[in-house]
Amino acid sequence: MGIATRDSLRDWLRAPGSLSRRLARLGERFEVQLLRQAVAPFRARERDALGLPRRGLTVVREVILRVDGEPLVWARSALHQRATLGPWRALKGLGNRPLAHLLYDDPRIHRSELQPRRLARQGHTRRHAARQWREATGQPLPAQMQWSRNSVFSRNGAQLRVMELFAPTLAGRRPGSKP
């Protein structure tokens, strides 16, 4: 397969609403594989997107979204640690359930515009995703896996940033349709 371009992933990069629900319609079994949920220092892009000062800790949740066992998306969510004591406290007990359960069933939550982004081939995020992908799947992260989308969800003044990195096998497949 060639490089998954922004155009070939356009429908996924722009699809509103729940990515989990769209993926679930692609097959018989949708699952969330929790890779890590931990307290960590903020990354610069996360801090900037959330409008936070240089200091502070974040709660990070990293997952792989699978359909019928096939890994299709690596995702990372980040929020200020204090937010897990307030509006986003349900994140702590989410486990292998989709984040969509928190984000789309509450009318008080608002989402920013989706921001597509091509990851740097040797950037920190791509290297980190590649390491986790290999550990979770036994396979290398596809070289063509370069396009992500980012958005920020707000609830009662607390923000949560979500980044989703798409596998090239989604290129050309319409969100929510069976192959």
Protein backbone atom coordinates (compact mmCIF):
# COMPACT_ATOMS: atom_id res chain seq x y z
CA MET A 1 0.00 0.00 0.00
CA GLY A 2 1.26 3.49 -0.77
CA ILE A 3 1.42 6.42 1.59
CA ALA A 4 -1.90 7.15 3.24
CA THR A 5 -2.36 10.75 2.25
CA ARG A 6 -4.44 13.42 3.86
CA ASP A 7 -6.85 13.14 0.92
CA SER A 8 -7.23 9.37 1.26
CA LEU A 9 -7.99 9.75 4.99
CA ARG A 10 -10.05 12.96 4.61
CA ASP A 11 -13.35 11.37 5.69
CA TRP A 12 -11.73 10.04 8.88
CA LEU A 13 -9.84 13.24 9.68
CA ARG A 14 -13.02 15.33 9.35
CA ALA A 15 -15.69 12.94 10.65
CA PRO A 16 -17.65 14.61 13.45
CA GLY A 17 -18.92 12.80 16.50
CA SER A 18 -17.59 9.60 17.98
CA LEU A 19 -14.72 7.87 16.19
CA SER A 20 -15.38 4.74 18.29
CA ARG A 21 -18.96 4.52 17.07
CA ARG A 22 -17.87 4.96 13.45
CA LEU A 23 -15.22 2.29 13.77
CA ALA A 24 -17.66 -0.09 15.45
CA ARG A 25 -19.83 -0.01 12.32
CA LEU A 26 -16.91 -1.37 10.23
CA GLY A 27 -17.09 -4.88 11.65
CA GLU A 28 -18.56 -7.30 14.12
CA ARG A 29 -16.41 -6.54 17.18
CA PHE A 30 -15.03 -3.19 18.32
CA GLU A 31 -12.61 -3.06 21.23
CA VAL A 32 -10.46 -0.60 23.11
CA GLN A 33 -7.06 -1.90 24.18
CA LEU A 34 -5.79 0.21 27.07
CA LEU A 35 -2.03 0.60 26.73
CA ARG A 36 -1.33 3.08 29.49
CA GLN A 37 -3.07 5.44 31.87
CA ALA A 38 -0.64 7.37 34.03
CA VAL A 39 0.47 10.72 35.36
CA ALA A 40 3.20 12.27 33.20
CA PRO A 41 4.70 15.65 32.35
CA PHE A 42 2.84 17.67 29.71
CA ARG A 43 4.10 17.67 26.15
CA ALA A 44 4.41 21.12 24.60
CA ARG A 45 1.58 20.61 22.06
CA GLU A 46 -0.76 19.34 24.75
CA ARG A 47 0.07 22.21 27.08
CA ASP A 48 -0.45 24.73 24.28
CA ALA A 49 -3.74 23.16 23.14
CA LEU A 50 -5.08 23.20 26.69
CA GLY A 51 -3.78 26.72 27.43
CA LEU A 52 -1.84 25.61 30.49
CA PRO A 53 1.31 26.98 32.13
CA ARG A 54 4.67 25.26 31.67
CA ARG A 55 4.46 23.44 34.99
CA GLY A 56 2.02 20.78 35.97
CA LEU A 57 1.26 17.15 35.40
CA THR A 58 -1.12 15.50 33.02
CA VAL A 59 -3.12 12.34 33.15
CA VAL A 60 -2.48 10.47 29.92
CA ARG A 61 -4.56 7.65 28.47
CA GLU A 62 -3.20 5.78 25.46
CA VAL A 63 -5.17 3.12 23.60
CA ILE A 64 -5.40 1.15 20.39
CA LEU A 65 -8.83 0.93 18.79
CA ARG A 66 -9.47 -2.40 17.05
CA VAL A 67 -12.17 -3.76 14.79
CA ASP A 68 -12.43 -7.54 14.52
CA GLY A 69 -8.96 -7.73 16.09
CA GLU A 70 -7.35 -5.41 13.53
CA PRO A 71 -5.60 -2.37 15.07
CA LEU A 72 -6.81 0.75 13.27
CA VAL A 73 -6.15 3.76 15.53
CA TRP A 74 -3.63 4.71 18.19
CA ALA A 75 -5.05 7.43 20.44
CA ARG A 76 -3.72 9.59 23.26
CA SER A 77 -5.84 11.68 25.60
CA ALA A 78 -4.34 14.23 27.98
CA LEU A 79 -5.74 16.54 30.62
CA HIS A 80 -4.45 18.46 33.60
CA GLN A 81 -4.24 16.21 36.65
CA ARG A 82 -6.58 18.52 38.63
CA ALA A 83 -9.37 17.91 36.06
CA THR A 84 -9.58 14.26 37.16
CA LEU A 85 -10.78 15.48 40.54
CA GLY A 86 -13.60 17.46 38.94
CA PRO A 87 -15.38 17.33 35.59
CA TRP A 88 -13.28 14.51 34.14
CA ARG A 89 -13.09 12.23 37.19
CA ALA A 90 -14.91 9.42 35.33
CA LEU A 91 -11.84 9.05 33.12
CA LYS A 92 -10.02 7.33 35.97
CA GLY A 93 -12.30 4.29 35.91
CA LEU A 94 -12.83 4.07 32.15
CA GLY A 95 -10.49 1.11 31.57
CA ASN A 96 -11.19 -0.61 28.22
CA ARG A 97 -14.41 1.28 27.59
CA PRO A 98 -14.39 3.90 24.82
CA LEU A 99 -13.81 7.52 25.76
CA ALA A 100 -16.90 8.24 23.64
CA HIS A 101 -19.05 7.13 26.60
CA LEU A 102 -17.89 10.25 28.44
CA LEU A 103 -17.68 12.69 25.53
CA TYR A 104 -20.86 12.30 23.52
CA ASP A 105 -23.53 11.47 26.06
CA ASP A 106 -23.19 14.72 28.02
CA PRO A 107 -24.61 17.92 26.44
CA ARG A 108 -22.35 20.04 28.70
CA ILE A 109 -19.28 18.89 26.75
CA HIS A 110 -18.17 20.94 23.77
CA ARG A 111 -15.57 19.99 21.16
CA SER A 112 -13.16 22.25 19.33
CA GLU A 113 -12.68 22.09 15.60
CA LEU A 114 -10.83 18.99 14.39
CA GLN A 115 -7.20 19.73 13.49
CA PRO A 116 -5.55 17.28 11.05
CA ARG A 117 -1.79 16.95 11.47
CA ARG A 118 0.92 14.93 9.83
CA LEU A 119 3.33 13.54 12.42
CA ALA A 120 7.05 13.98 11.94
CA ARG A 121 8.54 10.62 10.94
CA GLN A 122 11.13 10.82 13.73
CA GLY A 123 9.13 12.94 16.16
CA HIS A 124 8.60 12.01 19.79
CA THR A 125 4.89 11.19 19.43
CA ARG A 126 5.43 8.90 16.44
CA ARG A 127 8.35 7.11 18.14
CA HIS A 128 6.26 6.65 21.30
CA ALA A 129 3.26 5.36 19.31
CA ALA A 130 5.54 3.01 17.35
CA ARG A 131 6.97 1.52 20.54
CA GLN A 132 3.51 0.93 22.03
CA TRP A 133 2.08 -0.36 18.72
CA ARG A 134 4.85 -2.97 18.43
CA GLU A 135 4.40 -4.09 22.06
CA ALA A 136 0.61 -4.36 21.68
CA THR A 137 0.36 -5.89 18.21
CA GLY A 138 3.71 -7.61 17.63
CA GLN A 139 3.97 -5.63 14.39
CA PRO A 140 5.83 -2.43 13.53
CA LEU A 141 3.84 0.76 13.21
CA PRO A 142 3.17 1.08 9.46
CA ALA A 143 5.49 3.65 7.88
CA GLN A 144 2.42 5.14 6.19
CA MET A 145 0.77 5.76 9.55
CA GLN A 146 1.41 9.49 9.66
CA TRP A 147 -1.93 11.32 9.79
CA SER A 148 -3.68 12.27 13.01
CA ARG A 149 -6.42 14.57 14.14
CA ASN A 150 -6.52 16.57 17.34
CA SER A 151 -9.33 18.20 19.22
CA VAL A 152 -10.06 19.60 22.67
CA PHE A 153 -13.17 18.79 24.67
CA SER A 154 -14.35 21.25 27.33
CA ARG A 155 -16.58 20.59 30.30
CA ASN A 156 -17.16 23.11 33.08
CA GLY A 157 -13.94 24.95 32.17
CA ALA A 158 -11.77 21.82 32.26
CA GLN A 159 -10.25 20.63 29.01
CA LEU A 160 -9.27 17.26 27.59
CA ARG A 161 -7.11 16.93 24.45
CA VAL A 162 -7.56 13.91 22.21
CA MET A 163 -5.15 12.88 19.44
CA GLU A 164 -6.02 10.00 17.10
CA LEU A 165 -3.46 8.48 14.71
CA PHE A 166 -4.95 6.53 11.79
CA ALA A 167 -3.68 3.27 10.27
CA PRO A 168 -3.26 3.43 6.49
CA THR A 169 -5.72 0.53 6.09
CA LEU A 170 -8.50 3.06 6.77
CA ALA A 171 -7.58 5.01 3.61
CA GLY A 172 -10.39 4.78 1.12
CA ARG A 173 -12.83 3.20 3.62
CA ARG A 174 -15.78 5.37 4.52
CA PRO A 175 -16.34 5.92 8.23
CA GLY A 176 -19.08 3.64 9.41
CA SER A 177 -19.40 1.39 6.35
CA LYS A 178 -18.52 -2.29 6.10
CA PRO A 179 -15.81 -3.19 3.54
